[in-house]
Amino acid sequence: MNQLTVKARILEKSVIRYTPAGIPIASAILMHSSQQVEAGTGRLVEFEIPAQAAGDISGTFNELPLDVEIAFTGFLARKNRNSKSLVFHITEIQAHLLD
């Protein structure tokens, strides 16, 4: 299964673009920071990840504020067929955090 749920802040957003089929795509860079336990030791985990939301959810995603922690769910996929870079494809935004 390829499913990722992460709480992150939007660092920067791009203007919505459209695929040749007319599907809207909202892109951003997300920043995650948390304290995790690994091998019984506390560890600070921080990373930035490129993310995108396609279709109906792209409008909601594009309206989210910057630098506010929000929970996102989706999957990881290559940026394109020949790339080794990953992009987080957002399929769900935790609504209770949008209030």
N, C-alpha and C. Protein backbone atom coordinates (compact mmCIF):
# COMPACT_ATOMS: atom_id res chain seq x y z
N MET A 1 0.85 -1.18 0.00
CA MET A 1 0.00 0.00 0.00
C MET A 1 0.89 1.24 0.00
N ASN A 2 0.51 2.23 -0.75
CA ASN A 2 1.24 3.48 -0.85
C ASN A 2 0.32 4.59 -0.34
N GLN A 3 0.35 4.83 0.97
CA GLN A 3 -0.47 5.89 1.56
C GLN A 3 0.36 6.60 2.60
N LEU A 4 0.32 7.92 2.56
CA LEU A 4 1.08 8.74 3.49
C LEU A 4 0.16 9.77 4.11
N THR A 5 0.21 9.89 5.43
CA THR A 5 -0.48 10.97 6.13
C THR A 5 0.58 11.72 6.92
N VAL A 6 0.61 13.02 6.74
CA VAL A 6 1.63 13.82 7.40
C VAL A 6 1.04 15.18 7.77
N LYS A 7 1.44 15.66 8.94
CA LYS A 7 1.11 17.02 9.33
C LYS A 7 2.26 17.90 8.87
N ALA A 8 1.92 18.94 8.14
CA ALA A 8 2.95 19.80 7.57
C ALA A 8 2.43 21.21 7.39
N ARG A 9 3.36 22.10 7.16
CA ARG A 9 3.05 23.51 6.86
C ARG A 9 3.40 23.77 5.41
N ILE A 10 2.60 24.59 4.75
CA ILE A 10 2.90 24.97 3.37
C ILE A 10 3.92 26.11 3.43
N LEU A 11 5.08 25.88 2.82
CA LEU A 11 6.13 26.90 2.79
C LEU A 11 5.94 27.86 1.63
N GLU A 12 5.63 27.29 0.46
CA GLU A 12 5.41 28.11 -0.73
C GLU A 12 4.46 27.40 -1.67
N LYS A 13 3.70 28.19 -2.43
CA LYS A 13 2.73 27.66 -3.38
C LYS A 13 3.01 28.22 -4.77
N SER A 14 2.66 27.44 -5.77
CA SER A 14 2.73 27.88 -7.16
C SER A 14 1.33 28.22 -7.65
N VAL A 15 1.25 28.94 -8.73
CA VAL A 15 -0.03 29.26 -9.35
C VAL A 15 -0.63 27.96 -9.90
N ILE A 16 -1.94 27.81 -9.80
CA ILE A 16 -2.59 26.61 -10.34
C ILE A 16 -2.32 26.53 -11.84
N ARG A 17 -1.94 25.32 -12.27
CA ARG A 17 -1.75 25.07 -13.70
C ARG A 17 -2.77 24.03 -14.13
N TYR A 18 -2.88 23.84 -15.44
CA TYR A 18 -3.86 22.91 -15.98
C TYR A 18 -3.18 21.91 -16.90
N THR A 19 -3.57 20.63 -16.79
CA THR A 19 -3.05 19.60 -17.68
C THR A 19 -3.66 19.80 -19.06
N PRO A 20 -3.11 19.15 -20.07
CA PRO A 20 -3.73 19.24 -21.40
C PRO A 20 -5.20 18.80 -21.40
N ALA A 21 -5.57 17.95 -20.45
CA ALA A 21 -6.97 17.51 -20.34
C ALA A 21 -7.83 18.51 -19.55
N GLY A 22 -7.22 19.59 -19.06
CA GLY A 22 -7.97 20.62 -18.34
C GLY A 22 -8.10 20.38 -16.85
N ILE A 23 -7.34 19.44 -16.30
CA ILE A 23 -7.40 19.16 -14.86
C ILE A 23 -6.52 20.15 -14.12
N PRO A 24 -7.07 20.85 -13.11
CA PRO A 24 -6.26 21.81 -12.35
C PRO A 24 -5.29 21.09 -11.42
N ILE A 25 -4.07 21.63 -11.33
CA ILE A 25 -3.02 21.08 -10.46
C ILE A 25 -2.48 22.22 -9.60
N ALA A 26 -2.59 22.06 -8.27
CA ALA A 26 -2.01 23.03 -7.33
C ALA A 26 -0.74 22.40 -6.76
N SER A 27 0.37 23.12 -6.80
CA SER A 27 1.65 22.61 -6.33
C SER A 27 2.18 23.46 -5.19
N ALA A 28 2.95 22.81 -4.31
CA ALA A 28 3.52 23.52 -3.16
C ALA A 28 4.71 22.75 -2.61
N ILE A 29 5.42 23.39 -1.71
CA ILE A 29 6.47 22.74 -0.92
C ILE A 29 5.95 22.69 0.51
N LEU A 30 5.93 21.47 1.08
CA LEU A 30 5.49 21.28 2.46
C LEU A 30 6.69 21.09 3.37
N MET A 31 6.57 21.55 4.62
CA MET A 31 7.61 21.39 5.64
C MET A 31 7.03 20.65 6.82
N HIS A 32 7.67 19.53 7.18
CA HIS A 32 7.24 18.73 8.33
C HIS A 32 8.32 18.81 9.40
N SER A 33 7.88 18.88 10.66
CA SER A 33 8.79 18.86 11.80
C SER A 33 8.10 18.15 12.95
N SER A 34 8.76 17.13 13.51
CA SER A 34 8.19 16.40 14.63
C SER A 34 9.28 15.72 15.43
N GLN A 35 8.91 15.28 16.62
CA GLN A 35 9.80 14.51 17.48
C GLN A 35 9.36 13.06 17.36
N GLN A 36 10.27 12.16 17.00
CA GLN A 36 9.98 10.74 16.84
C GLN A 36 10.89 9.92 17.75
N VAL A 37 10.49 8.69 18.02
CA VAL A 37 11.32 7.78 18.81
C VAL A 37 11.82 6.69 17.88
N GLU A 38 13.13 6.52 17.85
CA GLU A 38 13.76 5.48 17.03
C GLU A 38 14.78 4.75 17.88
N ALA A 39 14.65 3.45 17.98
CA ALA A 39 15.56 2.61 18.78
C ALA A 39 15.63 3.13 20.22
N GLY A 40 14.48 3.57 20.74
CA GLY A 40 14.40 4.03 22.12
C GLY A 40 14.96 5.42 22.37
N THR A 41 15.35 6.11 21.31
CA THR A 41 15.93 7.45 21.45
C THR A 41 15.09 8.48 20.72
N GLY A 42 14.91 9.64 21.34
CA GLY A 42 14.17 10.72 20.70
C GLY A 42 14.97 11.29 19.53
N ARG A 43 14.25 11.65 18.48
CA ARG A 43 14.90 12.17 17.29
C ARG A 43 14.04 13.26 16.68
N LEU A 44 14.64 14.40 16.37
CA LEU A 44 13.94 15.47 15.67
C LEU A 44 13.94 15.13 14.18
N VAL A 45 12.75 15.10 13.59
CA VAL A 45 12.62 14.80 12.16
C VAL A 45 12.09 16.04 11.46
N GLU A 46 12.83 16.50 10.47
CA GLU A 46 12.42 17.66 9.68
C GLU A 46 12.69 17.36 8.21
N PHE A 47 11.73 17.68 7.36
CA PHE A 47 11.96 17.53 5.92
C PHE A 47 11.02 18.42 5.14
N GLU A 48 11.43 18.73 3.92
CA GLU A 48 10.60 19.43 2.96
C GLU A 48 10.28 18.45 1.85
N ILE A 49 9.06 18.53 1.33
CA ILE A 49 8.66 17.63 0.26
C ILE A 49 7.78 18.38 -0.74
N PRO A 50 8.03 18.19 -2.03
CA PRO A 50 7.13 18.79 -3.02
C PRO A 50 5.80 18.05 -2.98
N ALA A 51 4.73 18.80 -3.15
CA ALA A 51 3.39 18.22 -3.09
C ALA A 51 2.52 18.82 -4.18
N GLN A 52 1.49 18.05 -4.56
CA GLN A 52 0.52 18.58 -5.51
C GLN A 52 -0.85 17.99 -5.22
N ALA A 53 -1.87 18.75 -5.58
CA ALA A 53 -3.26 18.32 -5.45
C ALA A 53 -3.92 18.52 -6.81
N ALA A 54 -4.56 17.47 -7.31
CA ALA A 54 -5.16 17.53 -8.64
C ALA A 54 -6.68 17.43 -8.57
N GLY A 55 -7.33 18.05 -9.53
CA GLY A 55 -8.78 17.97 -9.62
C GLY A 55 -9.49 18.88 -8.64
N ASP A 56 -10.63 18.43 -8.13
CA ASP A 56 -11.47 19.26 -7.26
C ASP A 56 -10.74 19.74 -6.01
N ILE A 57 -9.87 18.92 -5.44
CA ILE A 57 -9.19 19.28 -4.20
C ILE A 57 -8.14 20.38 -4.41
N SER A 58 -7.76 20.64 -5.65
CA SER A 58 -6.73 21.64 -5.93
C SER A 58 -7.17 23.04 -5.50
N GLY A 59 -8.45 23.36 -5.66
CA GLY A 59 -8.95 24.68 -5.25
C GLY A 59 -8.87 24.85 -3.75
N THR A 60 -9.29 23.83 -3.01
CA THR A 60 -9.21 23.86 -1.54
C THR A 60 -7.76 23.99 -1.10
N PHE A 61 -6.90 23.18 -1.70
CA PHE A 61 -5.48 23.20 -1.35
C PHE A 61 -4.88 24.58 -1.62
N ASN A 62 -5.23 25.17 -2.75
CA ASN A 62 -4.67 26.46 -3.12
C ASN A 62 -5.10 27.58 -2.17
N GLU A 63 -6.24 27.42 -1.50
CA GLU A 63 -6.74 28.44 -0.58
C GLU A 63 -6.17 28.30 0.84
N LEU A 64 -5.46 27.23 1.12
CA LEU A 64 -4.90 27.03 2.46
C LEU A 64 -3.87 28.09 2.78
N PRO A 65 -3.82 28.52 4.03
CA PRO A 65 -2.83 29.53 4.42
C PRO A 65 -1.42 28.94 4.51
N LEU A 66 -0.44 29.79 4.36
CA LEU A 66 0.95 29.39 4.54
C LEU A 66 1.26 29.26 6.02
N ASP A 67 2.22 28.41 6.35
CA ASP A 67 2.79 28.30 7.69
C ASP A 67 1.78 27.95 8.79
N VAL A 68 0.77 27.16 8.44
CA VAL A 68 -0.20 26.63 9.41
C VAL A 68 -0.14 25.11 9.30
N GLU A 69 0.00 24.42 10.43
CA GLU A 69 0.08 22.96 10.38
C GLU A 69 -1.26 22.35 10.02
N ILE A 70 -1.25 21.51 8.98
CA ILE A 70 -2.45 20.86 8.47
C ILE A 70 -2.11 19.40 8.19
N ALA A 71 -3.06 18.50 8.36
CA ALA A 71 -2.84 17.09 8.06
C ALA A 71 -3.25 16.80 6.62
N PHE A 72 -2.34 16.19 5.88
CA PHE A 72 -2.58 15.82 4.48
C PHE A 72 -2.45 14.31 4.33
N THR A 73 -3.27 13.73 3.47
CA THR A 73 -3.17 12.31 3.15
C THR A 73 -3.08 12.18 1.63
N GLY A 74 -2.29 11.21 1.20
CA GLY A 74 -2.14 10.99 -0.24
C GLY A 74 -1.17 9.85 -0.48
N PHE A 75 -0.46 9.94 -1.59
CA PHE A 75 0.48 8.89 -1.96
C PHE A 75 1.74 9.51 -2.57
N LEU A 76 2.80 8.73 -2.62
CA LEU A 76 4.06 9.17 -3.22
C LEU A 76 4.19 8.58 -4.62
N ALA A 77 4.68 9.38 -5.54
CA ALA A 77 4.94 8.92 -6.90
C ALA A 77 6.13 9.69 -7.46
N ARG A 78 6.75 9.12 -8.47
CA ARG A 78 7.85 9.82 -9.13
C ARG A 78 7.34 11.11 -9.76
N LYS A 79 8.23 12.09 -9.82
CA LYS A 79 7.88 13.37 -10.44
C LYS A 79 7.45 13.16 -11.88
N ASN A 80 8.16 12.31 -12.58
CA ASN A 80 7.78 11.87 -13.92
C ASN A 80 8.39 10.49 -14.15
N ARG A 81 8.10 9.91 -15.25
CA ARG A 81 8.51 8.53 -15.52
C ARG A 81 10.01 8.29 -15.39
N ASN A 82 10.82 9.26 -15.78
CA ASN A 82 12.28 9.09 -15.79
C ASN A 82 12.96 9.66 -14.55
N SER A 83 12.22 10.19 -13.61
CA SER A 83 12.79 10.85 -12.44
C SER A 83 12.91 9.90 -11.26
N LYS A 84 13.90 10.17 -10.41
CA LYS A 84 14.01 9.45 -9.14
C LYS A 84 13.42 10.27 -8.01
N SER A 85 13.10 11.53 -8.27
CA SER A 85 12.52 12.41 -7.26
C SER A 85 11.06 12.05 -7.01
N LEU A 86 10.64 12.16 -5.74
CA LEU A 86 9.27 11.85 -5.36
C LEU A 86 8.45 13.11 -5.15
N VAL A 87 7.15 13.01 -5.42
CA VAL A 87 6.19 14.07 -5.17
C VAL A 87 5.05 13.47 -4.35
N PHE A 88 4.61 14.20 -3.34
CA PHE A 88 3.48 13.80 -2.50
C PHE A 88 2.20 14.26 -3.19
N HIS A 89 1.38 13.33 -3.64
CA HIS A 89 0.12 13.63 -4.31
C HIS A 89 -0.98 13.62 -3.26
N ILE A 90 -1.52 14.79 -2.96
CA ILE A 90 -2.51 14.95 -1.89
C ILE A 90 -3.90 14.59 -2.40
N THR A 91 -4.56 13.70 -1.66
CA THR A 91 -5.91 13.29 -2.02
C THR A 91 -6.93 13.68 -0.96
N GLU A 92 -6.44 14.06 0.23
CA GLU A 92 -7.34 14.44 1.32
C GLU A 92 -6.68 15.47 2.22
N ILE A 93 -7.46 16.44 2.63
CA ILE A 93 -7.03 17.46 3.59
C ILE A 93 -7.92 17.31 4.81
N GLN A 94 -7.34 17.20 5.98
CA GLN A 94 -8.13 16.99 7.19
C GLN A 94 -8.99 18.21 7.46
N ALA A 95 -10.28 18.08 7.23
CA ALA A 95 -11.22 19.19 7.31
C ALA A 95 -11.28 19.84 8.69
N HIS A 96 -11.14 19.04 9.76
CA HIS A 96 -11.25 19.62 11.10
C HIS A 96 -10.13 20.61 11.39
N LEU A 97 -9.06 20.56 10.63
CA LEU A 97 -7.96 21.50 10.83
C LEU A 97 -8.15 22.78 10.02
N LEU A 98 -9.20 22.82 9.18
CA LEU A 98 -9.43 24.01 8.36
C LEU A 98 -10.28 25.05 9.05
N ASP A 99 -10.84 24.73 10.21
CA ASP A 99 -11.72 25.68 10.93
C ASP A 99 -10.95 26.82 11.53
